[in-house]
Amino acid sequence: FYTAITFNPIDVANNLQKYGGFIPGIRPGKNTAEYLDYLMTRVAFTGALFLALIAIFPSIINSPKVLNIPFMIASFFGGTGLLIIVGVVLDTMKQIESQLLMRHYEGFIKKGKLRGRTR
């Protein structure tokens, strides 16, 4: 929800209009600001749901009805720890990929491309 404080859709819409930019299918001005606010709300809500799922993930895993994993192992991968681990792994993968691209090792990264990466 920090995005709602730092991102002002009215200013962005005005800047787009002032510099001749536009969003295809959306009229410049007030309609653009409303559309950006709508998108920002949807993205923030989706992110909040995802973070909530990550926060309760250890409790679900620790449930005896789902998996029979000891509490110490399930609590090791808590919500915060899981976020940190995933963030570090993704950042490491991006750094390795950029190093390989910089040295033109195209053969190594053809099979292991990150999803969402376009050229």
PDB file of N, CA and C in Angstrom:
ATOM      1  N   PHE A   1       0.812  -1.200   0.000  1.00  0.00           N
ATOM      2  CA  PHE A   1       0.000   0.000   0.000  1.00  0.00           C
ATOM      3  C   PHE A   1       0.850   1.257   0.000  1.00  0.00           C
ATOM      4  N   TYR A   2       2.143   1.077   0.059  1.00  0.00           N
ATOM      5  CA  TYR A   2       3.066   2.201  -0.031  1.00  0.00           C
ATOM      6  C   TYR A   2       2.965   2.858  -1.400  1.00  0.00           C
ATOM      7  N   THR A   3       2.605   2.090  -2.391  1.00  0.00           N
ATOM      8  CA  THR A   3       2.482   2.621  -3.747  1.00  0.00           C
ATOM      9  C   THR A   3       1.400   3.682  -3.821  1.00  0.00           C
ATOM     10  N   ALA A   4       0.314   3.497  -3.092  1.00  0.00           N
ATOM     11  CA  ALA A   4      -0.775   4.476  -3.112  1.00  0.00           C
ATOM     12  C   ALA A   4      -0.320   5.822  -2.560  1.00  0.00           C
ATOM     13  N   ILE A   5       0.684   5.812  -1.695  1.00  0.00           N
ATOM     14  CA  ILE A   5       1.189   7.064  -1.130  1.00  0.00           C
ATOM     15  C   ILE A   5       2.169   7.730  -2.088  1.00  0.00           C
ATOM     16  N   THR A   6       3.024   6.944  -2.711  1.00  0.00           N
ATOM     17  CA  THR A   6       4.079   7.516  -3.549  1.00  0.00           C
ATOM     18  C   THR A   6       3.672   7.730  -4.999  1.00  0.00           C
ATOM     19  N   PHE A   7       2.724   6.962  -5.492  1.00  0.00           N
ATOM     20  CA  PHE A   7       2.313   7.052  -6.899  1.00  0.00           C
ATOM     21  C   PHE A   7       1.024   7.856  -6.980  1.00  0.00           C
ATOM     22  N   ASN A   8       1.097   9.020  -7.618  1.00  0.00           N
ATOM     23  CA  ASN A   8      -0.078   9.867  -7.778  1.00  0.00           C
ATOM     24  C   ASN A   8      -0.566   9.750  -9.221  1.00  0.00           C
ATOM     25  N   PRO A   9      -1.687   9.060  -9.448  1.00  0.00           N
ATOM     26  CA  PRO A   9      -2.146   8.850 -10.819  1.00  0.00           C
ATOM     27  C   PRO A   9      -2.536  10.144 -11.531  1.00  0.00           C
ATOM     28  N   ILE A  10      -2.968  11.147 -10.789  1.00  0.00           N
ATOM     29  CA  ILE A  10      -3.345  12.424 -11.413  1.00  0.00           C
ATOM     30  C   ILE A  10      -2.110  13.106 -11.988  1.00  0.00           C
ATOM     31  N   ASP A  11      -1.016  13.122 -11.220  1.00  0.00           N
ATOM     32  CA  ASP A  11       0.229  13.718 -11.722  1.00  0.00           C
ATOM     33  C   ASP A  11       0.764  12.964 -12.937  1.00  0.00           C
ATOM     34  N   VAL A  12       0.707  11.637 -12.879  1.00  0.00           N
ATOM     35  CA  VAL A  12       1.194  10.836 -14.001  1.00  0.00           C
ATOM     36  C   VAL A  12       0.340  11.089 -15.237  1.00  0.00           C
ATOM     37  N   ALA A  13      -0.979  11.167 -15.066  1.00  0.00           N
ATOM     38  CA  ALA A  13      -1.871  11.431 -16.200  1.00  0.00           C
ATOM     39  C   ALA A  13      -1.609  12.816 -16.779  1.00  0.00           C
ATOM     40  N   ASN A  14      -1.395  13.807 -15.907  1.00  0.00           N
ATOM     41  CA  ASN A  14      -1.099  15.162 -16.391  1.00  0.00           C
ATOM     42  C   ASN A  14       0.237  15.206 -17.130  1.00  0.00           C
ATOM     43  N   ASN A  15       1.244  14.520 -16.605  1.00  0.00           N
ATOM     44  CA  ASN A  15       2.546  14.480 -17.281  1.00  0.00           C
ATOM     45  C   ASN A  15       2.453  13.766 -18.630  1.00  0.00           C
ATOM     46  N   LEU A  16       1.699  12.693 -18.672  1.00  0.00           N
ATOM     47  CA  LEU A  16       1.505  12.001 -19.947  1.00  0.00           C
ATOM     48  C   LEU A  16       0.857  12.929 -20.972  1.00  0.00           C
ATOM     49  N   GLN A  17      -0.167  13.651 -20.528  1.00  0.00           N
ATOM     50  CA  GLN A  17      -0.874  14.552 -21.436  1.00  0.00           C
ATOM     51  C   GLN A  17       0.023  15.711 -21.859  1.00  0.00           C
ATOM     52  N   LYS A  18       0.796  16.237 -20.919  1.00  0.00           N
ATOM     53  CA  LYS A  18       1.659  17.383 -21.209  1.00  0.00           C
ATOM     54  C   LYS A  18       2.745  17.026 -22.224  1.00  0.00           C
ATOM     55  N   TYR A  19       3.283  15.810 -22.132  1.00  0.00           N
ATOM     56  CA  TYR A  19       4.372  15.409 -23.020  1.00  0.00           C
ATOM     57  C   TYR A  19       3.895  14.612 -24.236  1.00  0.00           C
ATOM     58  N   GLY A  20       2.595  14.556 -24.439  1.00  0.00           N
ATOM     59  CA  GLY A  20       2.053  13.929 -25.639  1.00  0.00           C
ATOM     60  C   GLY A  20       1.906  12.422 -25.564  1.00  0.00           C
ATOM     61  N   GLY A  21       2.057  11.853 -24.397  1.00  0.00           N
ATOM     62  CA  GLY A  21       1.892  10.409 -24.250  1.00  0.00           C
ATOM     63  C   GLY A  21       0.444  10.052 -23.965  1.00  0.00           C
ATOM     64  N   PHE A  22       0.106   8.814 -24.183  1.00  0.00           N
ATOM     65  CA  PHE A  22      -1.250   8.358 -23.895  1.00  0.00           C
ATOM     66  C   PHE A  22      -1.248   6.846 -23.727  1.00  0.00           C
ATOM     67  N   ILE A  23      -2.319   6.345 -23.162  1.00  0.00           N
ATOM     68  CA  ILE A  23      -2.531   4.909 -23.039  1.00  0.00           C
ATOM     69  C   ILE A  23      -3.547   4.540 -24.111  1.00  0.00           C
ATOM     70  N   PRO A  24      -3.208   3.613 -25.006  1.00  0.00           N
ATOM     71  CA  PRO A  24      -4.135   3.265 -26.087  1.00  0.00           C
ATOM     72  C   PRO A  24      -5.498   2.829 -25.549  1.00  0.00           C
ATOM     73  N   GLY A  25      -6.540   3.424 -26.099  1.00  0.00           N
ATOM     74  CA  GLY A  25      -7.903   3.089 -25.700  1.00  0.00           C
ATOM     75  C   GLY A  25      -8.421   3.900 -24.532  1.00  0.00           C
ATOM     76  N   ILE A  26      -7.592   4.760 -23.947  1.00  0.00           N
ATOM     77  CA  ILE A  26      -7.990   5.583 -22.802  1.00  0.00           C
ATOM     78  C   ILE A  26      -7.785   7.040 -23.179  1.00  0.00           C
ATOM     79  N   ARG A  27      -8.816   7.860 -22.948  1.00  0.00           N
ATOM     80  CA  ARG A  27      -8.705   9.283 -23.266  1.00  0.00           C
ATOM     81  C   ARG A  27      -7.745   9.966 -22.290  1.00  0.00           C
ATOM     82  N   PRO A  28      -6.925  10.893 -22.775  1.00  0.00           N
ATOM     83  CA  PRO A  28      -5.997  11.607 -21.888  1.00  0.00           C
ATOM     84  C   PRO A  28      -6.747  12.448 -20.855  1.00  0.00           C
ATOM     85  N   GLY A  29      -6.089  12.666 -19.719  1.00  0.00           N
ATOM     86  CA  GLY A  29      -6.666  13.513 -18.676  1.00  0.00           C
ATOM     87  C   GLY A  29      -7.277  12.696 -17.555  1.00  0.00           C
ATOM     88  N   LYS A  30      -8.534  13.030 -17.215  1.00  0.00           N
ATOM     89  CA  LYS A  30      -9.206  12.413 -16.071  1.00  0.00           C
ATOM     90  C   LYS A  30      -9.393  10.903 -16.271  1.00  0.00           C
ATOM     91  N   ASN A  31      -9.743  10.494 -17.481  1.00  0.00           N
ATOM     92  CA  ASN A  31      -9.936   9.059 -17.741  1.00  0.00           C
ATOM     93  C   ASN A  31      -8.642   8.272 -17.541  1.00  0.00           C
ATOM     94  N   THR A  32      -7.522   8.855 -17.935  1.00  0.00           N
ATOM     95  CA  THR A  32      -6.228   8.195 -17.739  1.00  0.00           C
ATOM     96  C   THR A  32      -5.920   8.067 -16.253  1.00  0.00           C
ATOM     97  N   ALA A  33      -6.181   9.131 -15.480  1.00  0.00           N
ATOM     98  CA  ALA A  33      -5.935   9.089 -14.036  1.00  0.00           C
ATOM     99  C   ALA A  33      -6.799   8.026 -13.369  1.00  0.00           C
ATOM    100  N   GLU A  34      -8.065   7.939 -13.770  1.00  0.00           N
ATOM    101  CA  GLU A  34      -8.946   6.919 -13.196  1.00  0.00           C
ATOM    102  C   GLU A  34      -8.475   5.510 -13.562  1.00  0.00           C
ATOM    103  N   TYR A  35      -8.028   5.333 -14.792  1.00  0.00           N
ATOM    104  CA  TYR A  35      -7.537   4.031 -15.233  1.00  0.00           C
ATOM    105  C   TYR A  35      -6.271   3.636 -14.469  1.00  0.00           C
ATOM    106  N   LEU A  36      -5.345   4.580 -14.298  1.00  0.00           N
ATOM    107  CA  LEU A  36      -4.116   4.293 -13.551  1.00  0.00           C
ATOM    108  C   LEU A  36      -4.424   3.966 -12.094  1.00  0.00           C
ATOM    109  N   ASP A  37      -5.386   4.678 -11.505  1.00  0.00           N
ATOM    110  CA  ASP A  37      -5.784   4.400 -10.128  1.00  0.00           C
ATOM    111  C   ASP A  37      -6.411   3.009 -10.023  1.00  0.00           C
ATOM    112  N   TYR A  38      -7.226   2.654 -11.007  1.00  0.00           N
ATOM    113  CA  TYR A  38      -7.850   1.332 -11.047  1.00  0.00           C
ATOM    114  C   TYR A  38      -6.787   0.236 -11.135  1.00  0.00           C
ATOM    115  N   LEU A  39      -5.811   0.426 -12.028  1.00  0.00           N
ATOM    116  CA  LEU A  39      -4.736  -0.563 -12.166  1.00  0.00           C
ATOM    117  C   LEU A  39      -3.898  -0.671 -10.897  1.00  0.00           C
ATOM    118  N   MET A  40      -3.578   0.477 -10.301  1.00  0.00           N
ATOM    119  CA  MET A  40      -2.766   0.477  -9.091  1.00  0.00           C
ATOM    120  C   MET A  40      -3.495  -0.264  -7.966  1.00  0.00           C
ATOM    121  N   THR A  41      -4.797  -0.059  -7.850  1.00  0.00           N
ATOM    122  CA  THR A  41      -5.576  -0.732  -6.817  1.00  0.00           C
ATOM    123  C   THR A  41      -5.594  -2.241  -7.045  1.00  0.00           C
ATOM    124  N   ARG A  42      -5.771  -2.661  -8.282  1.00  0.00           N
ATOM    125  CA  ARG A  42      -5.789  -4.095  -8.588  1.00  0.00           C
ATOM    126  C   ARG A  42      -4.448  -4.746  -8.299  1.00  0.00           C
ATOM    127  N   VAL A  43      -3.364  -4.096  -8.694  1.00  0.00           N
ATOM    128  CA  VAL A  43      -2.032  -4.662  -8.466  1.00  0.00           C
ATOM    129  C   VAL A  43      -1.721  -4.719  -6.973  1.00  0.00           C
ATOM    130  N   ALA A  44      -2.076  -3.669  -6.232  1.00  0.00           N
ATOM    131  CA  ALA A  44      -1.826  -3.654  -4.788  1.00  0.00           C
ATOM    132  C   ALA A  44      -2.649  -4.728  -4.085  1.00  0.00           C
ATOM    133  N   PHE A  45      -3.895  -4.910  -4.502  1.00  0.00           N
ATOM    134  CA  PHE A  45      -4.749  -5.927  -3.888  1.00  0.00           C
ATOM    135  C   PHE A  45      -4.216  -7.328  -4.169  1.00  0.00           C
ATOM    136  N   THR A  46      -3.796  -7.569  -5.399  1.00  0.00           N
ATOM    137  CA  THR A  46      -3.232  -8.872  -5.750  1.00  0.00           C
ATOM    138  C   THR A  46      -1.953  -9.141  -4.956  1.00  0.00           C
ATOM    139  N   GLY A  47      -1.106  -8.129  -4.834  1.00  0.00           N
ATOM    140  CA  GLY A  47       0.114  -8.275  -4.040  1.00  0.00           C
ATOM    141  C   GLY A  47      -0.181  -8.539  -2.577  1.00  0.00           C
ATOM    142  N   ALA A  48      -1.209  -7.872  -2.047  1.00  0.00           N
ATOM    143  CA  ALA A  48      -1.586  -8.079  -0.647  1.00  0.00           C
ATOM    144  C   ALA A  48      -2.088  -9.504  -0.424  1.00  0.00           C
ATOM    145  N   LEU A  49      -2.880 -10.018  -1.358  1.00  0.00           N
ATOM    146  CA  LEU A  49      -3.347 -11.405  -1.238  1.00  0.00           C
ATOM    147  C   LEU A  49      -2.178 -12.388  -1.289  1.00  0.00           C
ATOM    148  N   PHE A  50      -1.240 -12.136  -2.187  1.00  0.00           N
ATOM    149  CA  PHE A  50      -0.074 -13.004  -2.307  1.00  0.00           C
ATOM    150  C   PHE A  50       0.749 -12.989  -1.018  1.00  0.00           C
ATOM    151  N   LEU A  51       0.967 -11.809  -0.453  1.00  0.00           N
ATOM    152  CA  LEU A  51       1.727 -11.720   0.798  1.00  0.00           C
ATOM    153  C   LEU A  51       0.985 -12.394   1.950  1.00  0.00           C
ATOM    154  N   ALA A  52      -0.338 -12.283   1.965  1.00  0.00           N
ATOM    155  CA  ALA A  52      -1.118 -12.956   3.004  1.00  0.00           C
ATOM    156  C   ALA A  52      -0.991 -14.472   2.877  1.00  0.00           C
ATOM    157  N   LEU A  53      -1.009 -14.974   1.650  1.00  0.00           N
ATOM    158  CA  LEU A  53      -0.828 -16.415   1.448  1.00  0.00           C
ATOM    159  C   LEU A  53       0.549 -16.874   1.906  1.00  0.00           C
ATOM    160  N   ILE A  54       1.561 -16.083   1.620  1.00  0.00           N
ATOM    161  CA  ILE A  54       2.912 -16.437   2.064  1.00  0.00           C
ATOM    162  C   ILE A  54       3.003 -16.398   3.588  1.00  0.00           C
ATOM    163  N   ALA A  55       2.299 -15.453   4.212  1.00  0.00           N
ATOM    164  CA  ALA A  55       2.349 -15.341   5.670  1.00  0.00           C
ATOM    165  C   ALA A  55       1.694 -16.542   6.351  1.00  0.00           C
ATOM    166  N   ILE A  56       0.617 -17.081   5.769  1.00  0.00           N
ATOM    167  CA  ILE A  56      -0.055 -18.219   6.406  1.00  0.00           C
ATOM    168  C   ILE A  56       0.432 -19.568   5.878  1.00  0.00           C
ATOM    169  N   PHE A  57       1.320 -19.551   4.902  1.00  0.00           N
ATOM    170  CA  PHE A  57       1.840 -20.792   4.325  1.00  0.00           C
ATOM    171  C   PHE A  57       2.455 -21.725   5.376  1.00  0.00           C
ATOM    172  N   PRO A  58       3.288 -21.233   6.304  1.00  0.00           N
ATOM    173  CA  PRO A  58       3.850 -22.143   7.318  1.00  0.00           C
ATOM    174  C   PRO A  58       2.779 -22.782   8.200  1.00  0.00           C
ATOM    175  N   SER A  59       1.711 -22.051   8.495  1.00  0.00           N
ATOM    176  CA  SER A  59       0.635 -22.628   9.304  1.00  0.00           C
ATOM    177  C   SER A  59      -0.082 -23.738   8.548  1.00  0.00           C
ATOM    178  N   ILE A  60      -0.253 -23.545   7.254  1.00  0.00           N
ATOM    179  CA  ILE A  60      -0.902 -24.575   6.438  1.00  0.00           C
ATOM    180  C   ILE A  60      -0.012 -25.811   6.361  1.00  0.00           C
ATOM    181  N   ILE A  61       1.266 -25.603   6.146  1.00  0.00           N
ATOM    182  CA  ILE A  61       2.208 -26.724   6.062  1.00  0.00           C
ATOM    183  C   ILE A  61       2.289 -27.462   7.397  1.00  0.00           C
ATOM    184  N   ASN A  62       2.222 -26.732   8.496  1.00  0.00           N
ATOM    185  CA  ASN A  62       2.348 -27.326   9.821  1.00  0.00           C
ATOM    186  C   ASN A  62       1.089 -28.082  10.234  1.00  0.00           C
ATOM    187  N   SER A  63      -0.008 -27.881   9.530  1.00  0.00           N
ATOM    188  CA  SER A  63      -1.251 -28.554   9.868  1.00  0.00           C
ATOM    189  C   SER A  63      -1.100 -30.061   9.680  1.00  0.00           C
ATOM    190  N   PRO A  64      -1.495 -30.854  10.683  1.00  0.00           N
ATOM    191  CA  PRO A  64      -1.333 -32.310  10.551  1.00  0.00           C
ATOM    192  C   PRO A  64      -2.218 -32.910   9.456  1.00  0.00           C
ATOM    193  N   LYS A  65      -3.261 -32.196   9.057  1.00  0.00           N
ATOM    194  CA  LYS A  65      -4.153 -32.718   8.023  1.00  0.00           C
ATOM    195  C   LYS A  65      -3.549 -32.572   6.628  1.00  0.00           C
ATOM    196  N   VAL A  66      -2.656 -31.605   6.436  1.00  0.00           N
ATOM    197  CA  VAL A  66      -2.077 -31.372   5.119  1.00  0.00           C
ATOM    198  C   VAL A  66      -0.821 -32.219   4.942  1.00  0.00           C
ATOM    199  N   LEU A  67       0.199 -31.907   5.683  1.00  0.00           N
ATOM    200  CA  LEU A  67       1.459 -32.654   5.646  1.00  0.00           C
ATOM    201  C   LEU A  67       1.901 -32.892   7.076  1.00  0.00           C
ATOM    202  N   ASN A  68       2.557 -33.970   7.305  1.00  0.00           N
ATOM    203  CA  ASN A  68       3.023 -34.274   8.653  1.00  0.00           C
ATOM    204  C   ASN A  68       4.493 -33.878   8.779  1.00  0.00           C
ATOM    205  N   ILE A  69       4.745 -32.564   8.792  1.00  0.00           N
ATOM    206  CA  ILE A  69       6.100 -32.033   8.899  1.00  0.00           C
ATOM    207  C   ILE A  69       6.296 -31.521  10.324  1.00  0.00           C
ATOM    208  N   PRO A  70       7.419 -31.828  10.956  1.00  0.00           N
ATOM    209  CA  PRO A  70       7.660 -31.327  12.314  1.00  0.00           C
ATOM    210  C   PRO A  70       7.628 -29.797  12.374  1.00  0.00           C
ATOM    211  N   PHE A  71       7.234 -29.275  13.529  1.00  0.00           N
ATOM    212  CA  PHE A  71       7.072 -27.831  13.692  1.00  0.00           C
ATOM    213  C   PHE A  71       8.372 -27.075  13.449  1.00  0.00           C
ATOM    214  N   MET A  72       9.503 -27.609  13.889  1.00  0.00           N
ATOM    215  CA  MET A  72      10.777 -26.900  13.730  1.00  0.00           C
ATOM    216  C   MET A  72      11.130 -26.705  12.255  1.00  0.00           C
ATOM    217  N   ILE A  73      10.853 -27.692  11.444  1.00  0.00           N
ATOM    218  CA  ILE A  73      11.146 -27.569  10.013  1.00  0.00           C
ATOM    219  C   ILE A  73      10.173 -26.603   9.360  1.00  0.00           C
ATOM    220  N   ALA A  74       8.892 -26.701   9.708  1.00  0.00           N
ATOM    221  CA  ALA A  74       7.886 -25.815   9.116  1.00  0.00           C
ATOM    222  C   ALA A  74       8.111 -24.371   9.541  1.00  0.00           C
ATOM    223  N   SER A  75       8.523 -24.153  10.789  1.00  0.00           N
ATOM    224  CA  SER A  75       8.734 -22.779  11.247  1.00  0.00           C
ATOM    225  C   SER A  75      10.028 -22.188  10.694  1.00  0.00           C
ATOM    226  N   PHE A  76      10.950 -23.043  10.254  1.00  0.00           N
ATOM    227  CA  PHE A  76      12.183 -22.544   9.644  1.00  0.00           C
ATOM    228  C   PHE A  76      11.875 -21.760   8.379  1.00  0.00           C
ATOM    229  N   PHE A  77      10.908 -22.221   7.626  1.00  0.00           N
ATOM    230  CA  PHE A  77      10.478 -21.518   6.422  1.00  0.00           C
ATOM    231  C   PHE A  77       9.247 -20.682   6.731  1.00  0.00           C
ATOM    232  N   GLY A  78       9.392 -19.716   7.629  1.00  0.00           N
ATOM    233  CA  GLY A  78       8.304 -18.803   7.945  1.00  0.00           C
ATOM    234  C   GLY A  78       8.023 -17.874   6.783  1.00  0.00           C
ATOM    235  N   GLY A  79       6.971 -17.071   6.902  1.00  0.00           N
ATOM    236  CA  GLY A  79       6.589 -16.173   5.821  1.00  0.00           C
ATOM    237  C   GLY A  79       7.692 -15.210   5.434  1.00  0.00           C
ATOM    238  N   THR A  80       8.313 -14.581   6.419  1.00  0.00           N
ATOM    239  CA  THR A  80       9.377 -13.624   6.130  1.00  0.00           C
ATOM    240  C   THR A  80      10.598 -14.324   5.554  1.00  0.00           C
ATOM    241  N   GLY A  81      10.966 -15.434   6.149  1.00  0.00           N
ATOM    242  CA  GLY A  81      12.113 -16.184   5.641  1.00  0.00           C
ATOM    243  C   GLY A  81      11.898 -16.663   4.219  1.00  0.00           C
ATOM    244  N   LEU A  82      10.674 -17.084   3.931  1.00  0.00           N
ATOM    245  CA  LEU A  82      10.352 -17.535   2.578  1.00  0.00           C
ATOM    246  C   LEU A  82      10.462 -16.394   1.575  1.00  0.00           C
ATOM    247  N   LEU A  83       9.986 -15.209   1.957  1.00  0.00           N
ATOM    248  CA  LEU A  83      10.115 -14.038   1.081  1.00  0.00           C
ATOM    249  C   LEU A  83      11.576 -13.704   0.816  1.00  0.00           C
ATOM    250  N   ILE A  84      12.388 -13.761   1.859  1.00  0.00           N
ATOM    251  CA  ILE A  84      13.809 -13.445   1.706  1.00  0.00           C
ATOM    252  C   ILE A  84      14.493 -14.478   0.818  1.00  0.00           C
ATOM    253  N   ILE A  85      14.212 -15.748   1.052  1.00  0.00           N
ATOM    254  CA  ILE A  85      14.836 -16.808   0.253  1.00  0.00           C
ATOM    255  C   ILE A  85      14.469 -16.670  -1.217  1.00  0.00           C
ATOM    256  N   VAL A  86      13.187 -16.469  -1.503  1.00  0.00           N
ATOM    257  CA  VAL A  86      12.745 -16.335  -2.895  1.00  0.00           C
ATOM    258  C   VAL A  86      13.365 -15.100  -3.534  1.00  0.00           C
ATOM    259  N   GLY A  87      13.414 -13.990  -2.797  1.00  0.00           N
ATOM    260  CA  GLY A  87      14.011 -12.767  -3.333  1.00  0.00           C
ATOM    261  C   GLY A  87      15.482 -12.930  -3.653  1.00  0.00           C
ATOM    262  N   VAL A  88      16.210 -13.574  -2.761  1.00  0.00           N
ATOM    263  CA  VAL A  88      17.643 -13.781  -2.980  1.00  0.00           C
ATOM    264  C   VAL A  88      17.877 -14.724  -4.157  1.00  0.00           C
ATOM    265  N   VAL A  89      17.097 -15.788  -4.252  1.00  0.00           N
ATOM    266  CA  VAL A  89      17.261 -16.734  -5.361  1.00  0.00           C
ATOM    267  C   VAL A  89      16.962 -16.055  -6.693  1.00  0.00           C
ATOM    268  N   LEU A  90      15.878 -15.286  -6.770  1.00  0.00           N
ATOM    269  CA  LEU A  90      15.546 -14.594  -8.021  1.00  0.00           C
ATOM    270  C   LEU A  90      16.614 -13.577  -8.397  1.00  0.00           C
ATOM    271  N   ASP A  91      17.109 -12.838  -7.408  1.00  0.00           N
ATOM    272  CA  ASP A  91      18.156 -11.854  -7.689  1.00  0.00           C
ATOM    273  C   ASP A  91      19.440 -12.537  -8.155  1.00  0.00           C
ATOM    274  N   THR A  92      19.785 -13.643  -7.521  1.00  0.00           N
ATOM    275  CA  THR A  92      20.979 -14.382  -7.929  1.00  0.00           C
ATOM    276  C   THR A  92      20.835 -14.912  -9.353  1.00  0.00           C
ATOM    277  N   MET A  93      19.654 -15.423  -9.687  1.00  0.00           N
ATOM    278  CA  MET A  93      19.426 -15.923 -11.047  1.00  0.00           C
ATOM    279  C   MET A  93      19.540 -14.800 -12.071  1.00  0.00           C
ATOM    280  N   LYS A  94      19.014 -13.632 -11.754  1.00  0.00           N
ATOM    281  CA  LYS A  94      19.112 -12.501 -12.677  1.00  0.00           C
ATOM    282  C   LYS A  94      20.559 -12.049 -12.844  1.00  0.00           C
ATOM    283  N   GLN A  95      21.325 -12.036 -11.751  1.00  0.00           N
ATOM    284  CA  GLN A  95      22.727 -11.635 -11.844  1.00  0.00           C
ATOM    285  C   GLN A  95      23.539 -12.635 -12.665  1.00  0.00           C
ATOM    286  N   ILE A  96      23.290 -13.919 -12.463  1.00  0.00           N
ATOM    287  CA  ILE A  96      23.999 -14.936 -13.252  1.00  0.00           C
ATOM    288  C   ILE A  96      23.642 -14.798 -14.722  1.00  0.00           C
ATOM    289  N   GLU A  97      22.368 -14.597 -15.002  1.00  0.00           N
ATOM    290  CA  GLU A  97      21.942 -14.452 -16.394  1.00  0.00           C
ATOM    291  C   GLU A  97      22.565 -13.220 -17.040  1.00  0.00           C
ATOM    292  N   SER A  98      22.629 -12.121 -16.305  1.00  0.00           N
ATOM    293  CA  SER A  98      23.234 -10.912 -16.885  1.00  0.00           C
ATOM    294  C   SER A  98      24.735 -11.098 -17.103  1.00  0.00           C
ATOM    295  N   GLN A  99      25.408 -11.809 -16.209  1.00  0.00           N
ATOM    296  CA  GLN A  99      26.833 -12.085 -16.406  1.00  0.00           C
ATOM    297  C   GLN A  99      27.054 -12.968 -17.636  1.00  0.00           C
ATOM    298  N   LEU A 100      26.204 -13.964 -17.810  1.00  0.00           N
ATOM    299  CA  LEU A 100      26.327 -14.835 -18.975  1.00  0.00           C
ATOM    300  C   LEU A 100      26.039 -14.079 -20.266  1.00  0.00           C
ATOM    301  N   LEU A 101      25.052 -13.208 -20.244  1.00  0.00           N
ATOM    302  CA  LEU A 101      24.747 -12.410 -21.432  1.00  0.00           C
ATOM    303  C   LEU A 101      25.882 -11.460 -21.761  1.00  0.00           C
ATOM    304  N   MET A 102      26.500 -10.899 -20.732  1.00  0.00           N
ATOM    305  CA  MET A 102      27.581  -9.955 -20.950  1.00  0.00           C
ATOM    306  C   MET A 102      28.779 -10.645 -21.609  1.00  0.00           C
ATOM    307  N   ARG A 103      28.973 -11.898 -21.312  1.00  0.00           N
ATOM    308  CA  ARG A 103      30.100 -12.636 -21.876  1.00  0.00           C
ATOM    309  C   ARG A 103      29.690 -13.492 -23.078  1.00  0.00           C
ATOM    310  N   HIS A 104      28.472 -13.319 -23.558  1.00  0.00           N
ATOM    311  CA  HIS A 104      27.956 -13.992 -24.755  1.00  0.00           C
ATOM    312  C   HIS A 104      27.923 -15.507 -24.625  1.00  0.00           C
ATOM    313  N   TYR A 105      27.584 -16.010 -23.467  1.00  0.00           N
ATOM    314  CA  TYR A 105      27.423 -17.449 -23.290  1.00  0.00           C
ATOM    315  C   TYR A 105      25.962 -17.803 -23.538  1.00  0.00           C
ATOM    316  N   GLU A 106      25.527 -17.613 -24.757  1.00  0.00           N
ATOM    317  CA  GLU A 106      24.126 -17.836 -25.113  1.00  0.00           C
ATOM    318  C   GLU A 106      23.718 -19.299 -24.959  1.00  0.00           C
ATOM    319  N   GLY A 107      24.630 -20.205 -25.187  1.00  0.00           N
ATOM    320  CA  GLY A 107      24.308 -21.625 -25.100  1.00  0.00           C
ATOM    321  C   GLY A 107      23.908 -22.069 -23.709  1.00  0.00           C
ATOM    322  N   PHE A 108      24.428 -21.428 -22.679  1.00  0.00           N
ATOM    323  CA  PHE A 108      24.117 -21.821 -21.318  1.00  0.00           C
ATOM    324  C   PHE A 108      22.751 -21.342 -20.866  1.00  0.00           C
ATOM    325  N   ILE A 109      22.257 -20.258 -21.432  1.00  0.00           N
ATOM    326  CA  ILE A 109      21.021 -19.690 -20.910  1.00  0.00           C
ATOM    327  C   ILE A 109      19.810 -19.932 -21.793  1.00  0.00           C
ATOM    328  N   LYS A 110      19.957 -20.642 -22.891  1.00  0.00           N
ATOM    329  CA  LYS A 110      18.798 -20.911 -23.742  1.00  0.00           C
ATOM    330  C   LYS A 110      17.773 -21.776 -23.025  1.00  0.00           C
ATOM    331  N   LYS A 111      18.215 -22.765 -22.292  1.00  0.00           N
ATOM    332  CA  LYS A 111      17.285 -23.654 -21.607  1.00  0.00           C
ATOM    333  C   LYS A 111      16.778 -23.052 -20.305  1.00  0.00           C
ATOM    334  N   GLY A 112      17.557 -22.258 -19.627  1.00  0.00           N
ATOM    335  CA  GLY A 112      17.198 -21.780 -18.304  1.00  0.00           C
ATOM    336  C   GLY A 112      16.751 -20.340 -18.247  1.00  0.00           C
ATOM    337  N   LYS A 113      16.024 -19.871 -19.229  1.00  0.00           N
ATOM    338  CA  LYS A 113      15.579 -18.478 -19.224  1.00  0.00           C
ATOM    339  C   LYS A 113      14.584 -18.239 -18.097  1.00  0.00           C
ATOM    340  N   LEU A 114      14.673 -17.071 -17.512  1.00  0.00           N
ATOM    341  CA  LEU A 114      13.695 -16.671 -16.520  1.00  0.00           C
ATOM    342  C   LEU A 114      12.389 -16.359 -17.221  1.00  0.00           C
ATOM    343  N   ARG A 115      11.276 -16.651 -16.567  1.00  0.00           N
ATOM    344  CA  ARG A 115       9.987 -16.344 -17.163  1.00  0.00           C
ATOM    345  C   ARG A 115       9.774 -14.842 -17.166  1.00  0.00           C
ATOM    346  N   GLY A 116       9.144 -14.368 -18.205  1.00  0.00           N
ATOM    347  CA  GLY A 116       8.868 -12.949 -18.315  1.00  0.00           C
ATOM    348  C   GLY A 116       9.975 -12.169 -18.978  1.00  0.00           C
ATOM    349  N   ARG A 117      11.065 -12.823 -19.311  1.00  0.00           N
ATOM    350  CA  ARG A 117      12.185 -12.131 -19.942  1.00  0.00           C
ATOM    351  C   ARG A 117      11.955 -12.070 -21.436  1.00  0.00           C
ATOM    352  N   THR A 118      12.016 -10.876 -21.989  1.00  0.00           N
ATOM    353  CA  THR A 118      11.869 -10.720 -23.428  1.00  0.00           C
ATOM    354  C   THR A 118      13.068  -9.997 -23.968  1.00  0.00           C
ATOM    355  N   ARG A 119      13.327 -10.185 -25.230  1.00  0.00           N
ATOM    356  CA  ARG A 119      14.460  -9.509 -25.866  1.00  0.00           C
ATOM    357  C   ARG A 119      13.961  -8.369 -26.680  1.00  0.00           C
TER     358      ARG A 119
END
